[in-house]
PDB file of all heavy atoms in Angstrom:
ATOM      1  N   MET A   1      25.231 -34.436 -13.293  1.00  0.00           N
ATOM      2  CA  MET A   1      25.861 -34.664 -11.983  1.00  0.00           C
ATOM      3  C   MET A   1      27.361 -34.678 -12.144  1.00  0.00           C
ATOM      4  O   MET A   1      27.882 -35.026 -13.185  1.00  0.00           O
ATOM      5  CB  MET A   1      25.328 -35.977 -11.406  1.00  0.00           C
ATOM      6  CG  MET A   1      25.651 -36.148  -9.971  1.00  0.00           C
ATOM      7  SD  MET A   1      24.695 -37.565  -9.318  1.00  0.00           S
ATOM      8  CE  MET A   1      25.716 -37.965  -7.982  1.00  0.00           C
ATOM      9  N   ALA A   2      28.084 -34.347 -11.084  1.00  0.00           N
ATOM     10  CA  ALA A   2      29.545 -34.341 -11.154  1.00  0.00           C
ATOM     11  C   ALA A   2      30.119 -35.313 -10.121  1.00  0.00           C
ATOM     12  O   ALA A   2      29.393 -35.741  -9.198  1.00  0.00           O
ATOM     13  CB  ALA A   2      30.021 -32.939 -10.849  1.00  0.00           C
ATOM     14  N   ASP A   3      31.427 -35.617 -10.274  1.00  0.00           N
ATOM     15  CA  ASP A   3      32.069 -36.425  -9.268  1.00  0.00           C
ATOM     16  C   ASP A   3      31.922 -35.747  -7.913  1.00  0.00           C
ATOM     17  O   ASP A   3      31.854 -34.506  -7.836  1.00  0.00           O
ATOM     18  CB  ASP A   3      33.568 -36.532  -9.579  1.00  0.00           C
ATOM     19  CG  ASP A   3      33.860 -37.422 -10.755  1.00  0.00           C
ATOM     20  OD1 ASP A   3      32.934 -38.091 -11.253  1.00  0.00           O
ATOM     21  OD2 ASP A   3      35.027 -37.450 -11.195  1.00  0.00           O
ATOM     22  N   THR A   4      31.876 -36.523  -6.850  1.00  0.00           N
ATOM     23  CA  THR A   4      31.843 -36.001  -5.495  1.00  0.00           C
ATOM     24  C   THR A   4      33.286 -35.909  -5.019  1.00  0.00           C
ATOM     25  O   THR A   4      33.970 -36.925  -4.906  1.00  0.00           O
ATOM     26  CB  THR A   4      31.001 -36.898  -4.571  1.00  0.00           C
ATOM     27  OG1 THR A   4      29.702 -37.040  -5.100  1.00  0.00           O
ATOM     28  CG2 THR A   4      30.934 -36.318  -3.166  1.00  0.00           C
ATOM     29  N   VAL A   5      33.744 -34.681  -4.733  1.00  0.00           N
ATOM     30  CA  VAL A   5      35.147 -34.470  -4.392  1.00  0.00           C
ATOM     31  C   VAL A   5      35.243 -33.725  -3.071  1.00  0.00           C
ATOM     32  O   VAL A   5      34.552 -32.761  -2.842  1.00  0.00           O
ATOM     33  CB  VAL A   5      35.837 -33.628  -5.494  1.00  0.00           C
ATOM     34  CG1 VAL A   5      37.283 -33.305  -5.117  1.00  0.00           C
ATOM     35  CG2 VAL A   5      35.843 -34.351  -6.836  1.00  0.00           C
ATOM     36  N   LEU A   6      36.139 -34.228  -2.218  1.00  0.00           N
ATOM     37  CA  LEU A   6      36.540 -33.552  -0.995  1.00  0.00           C
ATOM     38  C   LEU A   6      38.027 -33.272  -1.149  1.00  0.00           C
ATOM     39  O   LEU A   6      38.816 -34.183  -1.427  1.00  0.00           O
ATOM     40  CB  LEU A   6      36.295 -34.447   0.218  1.00  0.00           C
ATOM     41  CG  LEU A   6      36.924 -33.969   1.548  1.00  0.00           C
ATOM     42  CD1 LEU A   6      36.240 -32.678   2.027  1.00  0.00           C
ATOM     43  CD2 LEU A   6      36.865 -35.038   2.600  1.00  0.00           C
ATOM     44  N   ASN A   7      38.424 -32.038  -1.012  1.00  0.00           N
ATOM     45  CA  ASN A   7      39.826 -31.664  -1.163  1.00  0.00           C
ATOM     46  C   ASN A   7      40.142 -30.619  -0.129  1.00  0.00           C
ATOM     47  O   ASN A   7      39.581 -29.509  -0.159  1.00  0.00           O
ATOM     48  CB  ASN A   7      40.017 -31.098  -2.603  1.00  0.00           C
ATOM     49  CG  ASN A   7      41.471 -30.735  -2.854  1.00  0.00           C
ATOM     50  OD1 ASN A   7      42.377 -31.461  -2.480  1.00  0.00           O
ATOM     51  ND2 ASN A   7      41.688 -29.598  -3.478  1.00  0.00           N
ATOM     52  N   ASN A   8      41.018 -30.928   0.825  1.00  0.00           N
ATOM     53  CA  ASN A   8      41.333 -29.945   1.855  1.00  0.00           C
ATOM     54  C   ASN A   8      42.771 -30.031   2.334  1.00  0.00           C
ATOM     55  O   ASN A   8      43.461 -31.017   2.126  1.00  0.00           O
ATOM     56  CB  ASN A   8      40.326 -30.008   3.012  1.00  0.00           C
ATOM     57  CG  ASN A   8      40.329 -31.330   3.709  1.00  0.00           C
ATOM     58  OD1 ASN A   8      41.089 -32.239   3.381  1.00  0.00           O
ATOM     59  ND2 ASN A   8      39.479 -31.480   4.702  1.00  0.00           N
ATOM     60  N   ILE A   9      43.171 -28.977   2.998  1.00  0.00           N
ATOM     61  CA  ILE A   9      44.497 -28.938   3.651  1.00  0.00           C
ATOM     62  C   ILE A   9      44.306 -29.379   5.077  1.00  0.00           C
ATOM     63  O   ILE A   9      43.483 -28.851   5.808  1.00  0.00           O
ATOM     64  CB  ILE A   9      45.074 -27.506   3.608  1.00  0.00           C
ATOM     65  CG1 ILE A   9      45.400 -27.117   2.168  1.00  0.00           C
ATOM     66  CG2 ILE A   9      46.309 -27.395   4.505  1.00  0.00           C
ATOM     67  CD1 ILE A   9      45.864 -25.683   1.994  1.00  0.00           C
ATOM     68  N   VAL A  10      45.054 -30.416   5.471  1.00  0.00           N
ATOM     69  CA  VAL A  10      44.992 -30.981   6.808  1.00  0.00           C
ATOM     70  C   VAL A  10      45.938 -30.210   7.732  1.00  0.00           C
ATOM     71  O   VAL A  10      45.624 -29.970   8.894  1.00  0.00           O
ATOM     72  CB  VAL A  10      45.344 -32.462   6.781  1.00  0.00           C
ATOM     73  CG1 VAL A  10      45.375 -33.041   8.193  1.00  0.00           C
ATOM     74  CG2 VAL A  10      44.369 -33.226   5.904  1.00  0.00           C
ATOM     75  N   PHE A  11      47.084 -29.838   7.183  1.00  0.00           N
ATOM     76  CA  PHE A  11      48.098 -29.127   8.002  1.00  0.00           C
ATOM     77  C   PHE A  11      48.933 -28.249   7.066  1.00  0.00           C
ATOM     78  O   PHE A  11      49.241 -28.631   5.945  1.00  0.00           O
ATOM     79  CB  PHE A  11      49.055 -30.119   8.696  1.00  0.00           C
ATOM     80  CG  PHE A  11      50.221 -29.446   9.348  1.00  0.00           C
ATOM     81  CD1 PHE A  11      50.091 -28.899  10.635  1.00  0.00           C
ATOM     82  CD2 PHE A  11      51.458 -29.368   8.727  1.00  0.00           C
ATOM     83  CE1 PHE A  11      51.134 -28.262  11.248  1.00  0.00           C
ATOM     84  CE2 PHE A  11      52.517 -28.734   9.327  1.00  0.00           C
ATOM     85  CZ  PHE A  11      52.371 -28.173  10.596  1.00  0.00           C
ATOM     86  N   GLN A  12      49.273 -27.067   7.563  1.00  0.00           N
ATOM     87  CA  GLN A  12      50.149 -26.160   6.821  1.00  0.00           C
ATOM     88  C   GLN A  12      51.061 -25.461   7.794  1.00  0.00           C
ATOM     89  O   GLN A  12      50.602 -24.750   8.674  1.00  0.00           O
ATOM     90  CB  GLN A  12      49.383 -25.142   5.987  1.00  0.00           C
ATOM     91  CG  GLN A  12      50.303 -24.268   5.194  1.00  0.00           C
ATOM     92  CD  GLN A  12      49.589 -23.326   4.250  1.00  0.00           C
ATOM     93  OE1 GLN A  12      50.255 -22.683   3.483  1.00  0.00           O
ATOM     94  NE2 GLN A  12      48.253 -23.203   4.289  1.00  0.00           N
ATOM     95  N   GLY A  13      52.370 -25.685   7.624  1.00  0.00           N
ATOM     96  CA  GLY A  13      53.384 -24.980   8.410  1.00  0.00           C
ATOM     97  C   GLY A  13      54.290 -24.204   7.473  1.00  0.00           C
ATOM     98  O   GLY A  13      54.020 -24.087   6.272  1.00  0.00           O
ATOM     99  N   ASP A  14      55.403 -23.707   7.997  1.00  0.00           N
ATOM    100  CA  ASP A  14      56.351 -22.962   7.176  1.00  0.00           C
ATOM    101  C   ASP A  14      56.961 -23.848   6.093  1.00  0.00           C
ATOM    102  O   ASP A  14      57.240 -23.408   4.988  1.00  0.00           O
ATOM    103  CB  ASP A  14      57.447 -22.359   8.025  1.00  0.00           C
ATOM    104  CG  ASP A  14      56.982 -21.122   8.776  1.00  0.00           C
ATOM    105  OD1 ASP A  14      55.928 -20.581   8.413  1.00  0.00           O
ATOM    106  OD2 ASP A  14      57.681 -20.694   9.701  1.00  0.00           O
ATOM    107  N   LYS A  15      57.223 -25.123   6.407  1.00  0.00           N
ATOM    108  CA  LYS A  15      57.913 -25.982   5.449  1.00  0.00           C
ATOM    109  C   LYS A  15      57.060 -27.139   4.951  1.00  0.00           C
ATOM    110  O   LYS A  15      57.276 -27.633   3.846  1.00  0.00           O
ATOM    111  CB  LYS A  15      59.184 -26.576   6.104  1.00  0.00           C
ATOM    112  CG  LYS A  15      60.205 -25.538   6.400  1.00  0.00           C
ATOM    113  CD  LYS A  15      61.447 -26.126   6.969  1.00  0.00           C
ATOM    114  CE  LYS A  15      62.466 -25.016   7.300  1.00  0.00           C
ATOM    115  NZ  LYS A  15      63.728 -25.540   7.764  1.00  0.00           N
ATOM    116  N   LYS A  16      56.103 -27.563   5.725  1.00  0.00           N
ATOM    117  CA  LYS A  16      55.311 -28.762   5.389  1.00  0.00           C
ATOM    118  C   LYS A  16      53.881 -28.432   5.120  1.00  0.00           C
ATOM    119  O   LYS A  16      53.294 -27.535   5.712  1.00  0.00           O
ATOM    120  CB  LYS A  16      55.400 -29.797   6.534  1.00  0.00           C
ATOM    121  CG  LYS A  16      54.794 -31.135   6.199  1.00  0.00           C
ATOM    122  CD  LYS A  16      54.784 -32.052   7.400  1.00  0.00           C
ATOM    123  CE  LYS A  16      56.193 -32.476   7.767  1.00  0.00           C
ATOM    124  NZ  LYS A  16      56.199 -33.550   8.808  1.00  0.00           N
ATOM    125  N   LEU A  17      53.289 -29.202   4.180  1.00  0.00           N
ATOM    126  CA  LEU A  17      51.876 -29.087   3.801  1.00  0.00           C
ATOM    127  C   LEU A  17      51.344 -30.505   3.706  1.00  0.00           C
ATOM    128  O   LEU A  17      52.003 -31.356   3.125  1.00  0.00           O
ATOM    129  CB  LEU A  17      51.756 -28.363   2.461  1.00  0.00           C
ATOM    130  CG  LEU A  17      50.365 -28.333   1.832  1.00  0.00           C
ATOM    131  CD1 LEU A  17      49.458 -27.379   2.618  1.00  0.00           C
ATOM    132  CD2 LEU A  17      50.439 -27.884   0.372  1.00  0.00           C
ATOM    133  N   ILE A  18      50.177 -30.762   4.310  1.00  0.00           N
ATOM    134  CA  ILE A  18      49.539 -32.061   4.209  1.00  0.00           C
ATOM    135  C   ILE A  18      48.146 -31.868   3.600  1.00  0.00           C
ATOM    136  O   ILE A  18      47.369 -31.057   4.112  1.00  0.00           O
ATOM    137  CB  ILE A  18      49.451 -32.804   5.537  1.00  0.00           C
ATOM    138  CG1 ILE A  18      50.895 -33.053   6.076  1.00  0.00           C
ATOM    139  CG2 ILE A  18      48.701 -34.128   5.366  1.00  0.00           C
ATOM    140  CD1 ILE A  18      50.938 -33.678   7.439  1.00  0.00           C
ATOM    141  N   THR A  19      47.867 -32.580   2.508  1.00  0.00           N
ATOM    142  CA  THR A  19      46.587 -32.474   1.824  1.00  0.00           C
ATOM    143  C   THR A  19      45.848 -33.801   1.843  1.00  0.00           C
ATOM    144  O   THR A  19      46.478 -34.864   1.890  1.00  0.00           O
ATOM    145  CB  THR A  19      46.740 -32.011   0.348  1.00  0.00           C
ATOM    146  OG1 THR A  19      47.575 -32.947  -0.340  1.00  0.00           O
ATOM    147  CG2 THR A  19      47.339 -30.635   0.296  1.00  0.00           C
ATOM    148  N   HIS A  20      44.532 -33.730   1.826  1.00  0.00           N
ATOM    149  CA  HIS A  20      43.641 -34.899   1.789  1.00  0.00           C
ATOM    150  C   HIS A  20      42.673 -34.738   0.628  1.00  0.00           C
ATOM    151  O   HIS A  20      41.998 -33.674   0.544  1.00  0.00           O
ATOM    152  CB  HIS A  20      42.919 -35.044   3.087  1.00  0.00           C
ATOM    153  CG  HIS A  20      41.917 -36.163   3.076  1.00  0.00           C
ATOM    154  ND1 HIS A  20      40.570 -35.963   2.769  1.00  0.00           N
ATOM    155  CD2 HIS A  20      42.045 -37.496   3.335  1.00  0.00           C
ATOM    156  CE1 HIS A  20      39.931 -37.094   2.826  1.00  0.00           C
ATOM    157  NE2 HIS A  20      40.804 -38.051   3.152  1.00  0.00           N
ATOM    158  N   TYR A  21      42.610 -35.689  -0.245  1.00  0.00           N
ATOM    159  CA  TYR A  21      41.739 -35.639  -1.402  1.00  0.00           C
ATOM    160  C   TYR A  21      40.933 -36.942  -1.445  1.00  0.00           C
ATOM    161  O   TYR A  21      41.479 -38.039  -1.230  1.00  0.00           O
ATOM    162  CB  TYR A  21      42.587 -35.513  -2.678  1.00  0.00           C
ATOM    163  CG  TYR A  21      41.885 -35.800  -3.979  1.00  0.00           C
ATOM    164  CD1 TYR A  21      41.145 -34.825  -4.641  1.00  0.00           C
ATOM    165  CD2 TYR A  21      41.926 -37.062  -4.555  1.00  0.00           C
ATOM    166  CE1 TYR A  21      40.501 -35.064  -5.838  1.00  0.00           C
ATOM    167  CE2 TYR A  21      41.309 -37.329  -5.765  1.00  0.00           C
ATOM    168  CZ  TYR A  21      40.584 -36.325  -6.397  1.00  0.00           C
ATOM    169  OH  TYR A  21      39.960 -36.590  -7.580  1.00  0.00           O
ATOM    170  N   ASN A  22      39.631 -36.831  -1.738  1.00  0.00           N
ATOM    171  CA  ASN A  22      38.778 -37.990  -1.854  1.00  0.00           C
ATOM    172  C   ASN A  22      37.801 -37.767  -2.977  1.00  0.00           C
ATOM    173  O   ASN A  22      37.251 -36.679  -3.128  1.00  0.00           O
ATOM    174  CB  ASN A  22      38.013 -38.268  -0.555  1.00  0.00           C
ATOM    175  CG  ASN A  22      37.157 -39.503  -0.654  1.00  0.00           C
ATOM    176  OD1 ASN A  22      36.014 -39.435  -1.025  1.00  0.00           O
ATOM    177  ND2 ASN A  22      37.745 -40.636  -0.356  1.00  0.00           N
ATOM    178  N   VAL A  23      37.622 -38.788  -3.827  1.00  0.00           N
ATOM    179  CA  VAL A  23      36.677 -38.659  -4.969  1.00  0.00           C
ATOM    180  C   VAL A  23      35.849 -39.919  -5.075  1.00  0.00           C
ATOM    181  O   VAL A  23      36.322 -41.033  -4.849  1.00  0.00           O
ATOM    182  CB  VAL A  23      37.417 -38.385  -6.281  1.00  0.00           C
ATOM    183  CG1 VAL A  23      38.351 -39.546  -6.663  1.00  0.00           C
ATOM    184  CG2 VAL A  23      36.456 -38.099  -7.413  1.00  0.00           C
ATOM    185  N   VAL A  24      34.551 -39.730  -5.420  1.00  0.00           N
ATOM    186  CA  VAL A  24      33.680 -40.838  -5.810  1.00  0.00           C
ATOM    187  C   VAL A  24      33.165 -40.412  -7.184  1.00  0.00           C
ATOM    188  O   VAL A  24      32.540 -39.370  -7.329  1.00  0.00           O
ATOM    189  CB  VAL A  24      32.484 -41.014  -4.797  1.00  0.00           C
ATOM    190  CG1 VAL A  24      31.566 -42.132  -5.316  1.00  0.00           C
ATOM    191  CG2 VAL A  24      33.016 -41.340  -3.422  1.00  0.00           C
ATOM    192  N   SER A  25      33.463 -41.250  -8.168  1.00  0.00           N
ATOM    193  CA  SER A  25      33.148 -40.884  -9.555  1.00  0.00           C
ATOM    194  C   SER A  25      31.700 -41.122  -9.904  1.00  0.00           C
ATOM    195  O   SER A  25      31.081 -42.059  -9.441  1.00  0.00           O
ATOM    196  CB  SER A  25      34.026 -41.677 -10.481  1.00  0.00           C
ATOM    197  OG  SER A  25      33.700 -41.374 -11.835  1.00  0.00           O
ATOM    198  N   ASP A  26      31.203 -40.301 -10.822  1.00  0.00           N
ATOM    199  CA  ASP A  26      29.867 -40.470 -11.391  1.00  0.00           C
ATOM    200  C   ASP A  26      29.956 -40.927 -12.824  1.00  0.00           C
ATOM    201  O   ASP A  26      28.975 -40.914 -13.557  1.00  0.00           O
ATOM    202  CB  ASP A  26      29.065 -39.149 -11.289  1.00  0.00           C
ATOM    203  CG  ASP A  26      29.590 -38.145 -12.245  1.00  0.00           C
ATOM    204  OD1 ASP A  26      30.712 -38.276 -12.792  1.00  0.00           O
ATOM    205  OD2 ASP A  26      28.858 -37.160 -12.526  1.00  0.00           O
ATOM    206  N   ASN A  27      31.146 -41.270 -13.287  1.00  0.00           N
ATOM    207  CA  ASN A  27      31.423 -41.768 -14.653  1.00  0.00           C
ATOM    208  C   ASN A  27      31.911 -40.637 -15.535  1.00  0.00           C
ATOM    209  O   ASN A  27      32.204 -40.878 -16.717  1.00  0.00           O
ATOM    210  CB  ASN A  27      30.190 -42.402 -15.268  1.00  0.00           C
ATOM    211  CG  ASN A  27      30.509 -43.241 -16.473  1.00  0.00           C
ATOM    212  OD1 ASN A  27      31.583 -43.820 -16.554  1.00  0.00           O
ATOM    213  ND2 ASN A  27      29.607 -43.334 -17.422  1.00  0.00           N
ATOM    214  N   ALA A  28      32.038 -39.419 -15.022  1.00  0.00           N
ATOM    215  CA  ALA A  28      32.440 -38.309 -15.894  1.00  0.00           C
ATOM    216  C   ALA A  28      33.950 -38.056 -15.856  1.00  0.00           C
ATOM    217  O   ALA A  28      34.488 -37.495 -16.771  1.00  0.00           O
ATOM    218  CB  ALA A  28      31.703 -37.041 -15.480  1.00  0.00           C
ATOM    219  N   GLY A  29      34.594 -38.445 -14.795  1.00  0.00           N
ATOM    220  CA  GLY A  29      35.991 -38.086 -14.594  1.00  0.00           C
ATOM    221  C   GLY A  29      36.107 -36.639 -14.118  1.00  0.00           C
ATOM    222  O   GLY A  29      35.119 -35.869 -14.177  1.00  0.00           O
ATOM    223  N   SER A  30      37.281 -36.268 -13.654  1.00  0.00           N
ATOM    224  CA  SER A  30      37.433 -34.906 -13.136  1.00  0.00           C
ATOM    225  C   SER A  30      38.895 -34.559 -13.034  1.00  0.00           C
ATOM    226  O   SER A  30      39.761 -35.415 -12.978  1.00  0.00           O
ATOM    227  CB  SER A  30      36.774 -34.773 -11.789  1.00  0.00           C
ATOM    228  OG  SER A  30      37.415 -35.597 -10.830  1.00  0.00           O
ATOM    229  N   THR A  31      39.142 -33.252 -12.925  1.00  0.00           N
ATOM    230  CA  THR A  31      40.461 -32.710 -12.622  1.00  0.00           C
ATOM    231  C   THR A  31      40.298 -31.760 -11.434  1.00  0.00           C
ATOM    232  O   THR A  31      39.414 -30.913 -11.444  1.00  0.00           O
ATOM    233  CB  THR A  31      41.054 -31.931 -13.809  1.00  0.00           C
ATOM    234  OG1 THR A  31      41.209 -32.821 -14.904  1.00  0.00           O
ATOM    235  CG2 THR A  31      42.410 -31.319 -13.463  1.00  0.00           C
ATOM    236  N   THR A  32      41.095 -31.958 -10.405  1.00  0.00           N
ATOM    237  CA  THR A  32      41.066 -31.128  -9.216  1.00  0.00           C
ATOM    238  C   THR A  32      42.438 -30.588  -8.898  1.00  0.00           C
ATOM    239  O   THR A  32      43.398 -31.356  -8.880  1.00  0.00           O
ATOM    240  CB  THR A  32      40.551 -31.964  -7.999  1.00  0.00           C
ATOM    241  OG1 THR A  32      39.281 -32.515  -8.333  1.00  0.00           O
ATOM    242  CG2 THR A  32      40.413 -31.125  -6.758  1.00  0.00           C
ATOM    243  N   LYS A  33      42.506 -29.287  -8.616  1.00  0.00           N
ATOM    244  CA  LYS A  33      43.753 -28.703  -8.146  1.00  0.00           C
ATOM    245  C   LYS A  33      43.884 -29.022  -6.665  1.00  0.00           C
ATOM    246  O   LYS A  33      43.117 -28.489  -5.863  1.00  0.00           O
ATOM    247  CB  LYS A  33      43.740 -27.194  -8.401  1.00  0.00           C
ATOM    248  CG  LYS A  33      45.044 -26.505  -8.072  1.00  0.00           C
ATOM    249  CD  LYS A  33      44.972 -25.013  -8.237  1.00  0.00           C
ATOM    250  CE  LYS A  33      44.656 -24.665  -9.663  1.00  0.00           C
ATOM    251  NZ  LYS A  33      44.723 -23.227  -9.936  1.00  0.00           N
ATOM    252  N   ILE A  34      44.851 -29.877  -6.321  1.00  0.00           N
ATOM    253  CA  ILE A  34      44.985 -30.234  -4.894  1.00  0.00           C
ATOM    254  C   ILE A  34      45.985 -29.361  -4.162  1.00  0.00           C
ATOM    255  O   ILE A  34      45.974 -29.322  -2.951  1.00  0.00           O
ATOM    256  CB  ILE A  34      45.298 -31.730  -4.689  1.00  0.00           C
ATOM    257  CG1 ILE A  34      46.648 -32.145  -5.263  1.00  0.00           C
ATOM    258  CG2 ILE A  34      44.178 -32.601  -5.166  1.00  0.00           C
ATOM    259  CD1 ILE A  34      47.107 -33.510  -4.763  1.00  0.00           C
ATOM    260  N   VAL A  35      46.874 -28.699  -4.942  1.00  0.00           N
ATOM    261  CA  VAL A  35      47.739 -27.713  -4.322  1.00  0.00           C
ATOM    262  C   VAL A  35      47.700 -26.440  -5.212  1.00  0.00           C
ATOM    263  O   VAL A  35      48.008 -26.494  -6.371  1.00  0.00           O
ATOM    264  CB  VAL A  35      49.232 -28.193  -4.205  1.00  0.00           C
ATOM    265  CG1 VAL A  35      50.147 -27.094  -3.669  1.00  0.00           C
ATOM    266  CG2 VAL A  35      49.314 -29.448  -3.373  1.00  0.00           C
ATOM    267  N   ASP A  36      47.304 -25.353  -4.570  1.00  0.00           N
ATOM    268  CA  ASP A  36      47.280 -24.036  -5.213  1.00  0.00           C
ATOM    269  C   ASP A  36      48.345 -23.209  -4.488  1.00  0.00           C
ATOM    270  O   ASP A  36      48.075 -22.672  -3.403  1.00  0.00           O
ATOM    271  CB  ASP A  36      45.888 -23.426  -5.063  1.00  0.00           C
ATOM    272  CG  ASP A  36      45.791 -22.044  -5.684  1.00  0.00           C
ATOM    273  OD1 ASP A  36      46.828 -21.483  -6.147  1.00  0.00           O
ATOM    274  OD2 ASP A  36      44.689 -21.483  -5.717  1.00  0.00           O
ATOM    275  N   VAL A  37      49.537 -23.106  -5.065  1.00  0.00           N
ATOM    276  CA  VAL A  37      50.630 -22.435  -4.341  1.00  0.00           C
ATOM    277  C   VAL A  37      50.327 -20.979  -4.047  1.00  0.00           C
ATOM    278  O   VAL A  37      50.817 -20.453  -3.047  1.00  0.00           O
ATOM    279  CB  VAL A  37      51.986 -22.599  -5.065  1.00  0.00           C
ATOM    280  CG1 VAL A  37      52.440 -24.014  -5.082  1.00  0.00           C
ATOM    281  CG2 VAL A  37      51.982 -21.980  -6.442  1.00  0.00           C
ATOM    282  N   SER A  38      49.515 -20.336  -4.884  1.00  0.00           N
ATOM    283  CA  SER A  38      49.180 -18.921  -4.615  1.00  0.00           C
ATOM    284  C   SER A  38      48.380 -18.745  -3.344  1.00  0.00           C
ATOM    285  O   SER A  38      48.321 -17.664  -2.767  1.00  0.00           O
ATOM    286  CB  SER A  38      48.466 -18.332  -5.787  1.00  0.00           C
ATOM    287  OG  SER A  38      47.165 -18.873  -5.943  1.00  0.00           O
ATOM    288  N   ALA A  39      47.742 -19.829  -2.866  1.00  0.00           N
ATOM    289  CA  ALA A  39      46.902 -19.765  -1.651  1.00  0.00           C
ATOM    290  C   ALA A  39      47.678 -20.191  -0.397  1.00  0.00           C
ATOM    291  O   ALA A  39      47.131 -20.113   0.690  1.00  0.00           O
ATOM    292  CB  ALA A  39      45.682 -20.639  -1.837  1.00  0.00           C
TER     293      ALA A  39
END
């Protein structure tokens, strides 16, 4: 099983970006890319 992760963009404009990240761990730990500039 893996951590339960929610990662999304709430708002994106020309200058501002707002992201929301939520995790519930299963004891494994995790790494999540919360900003992917190429996207």
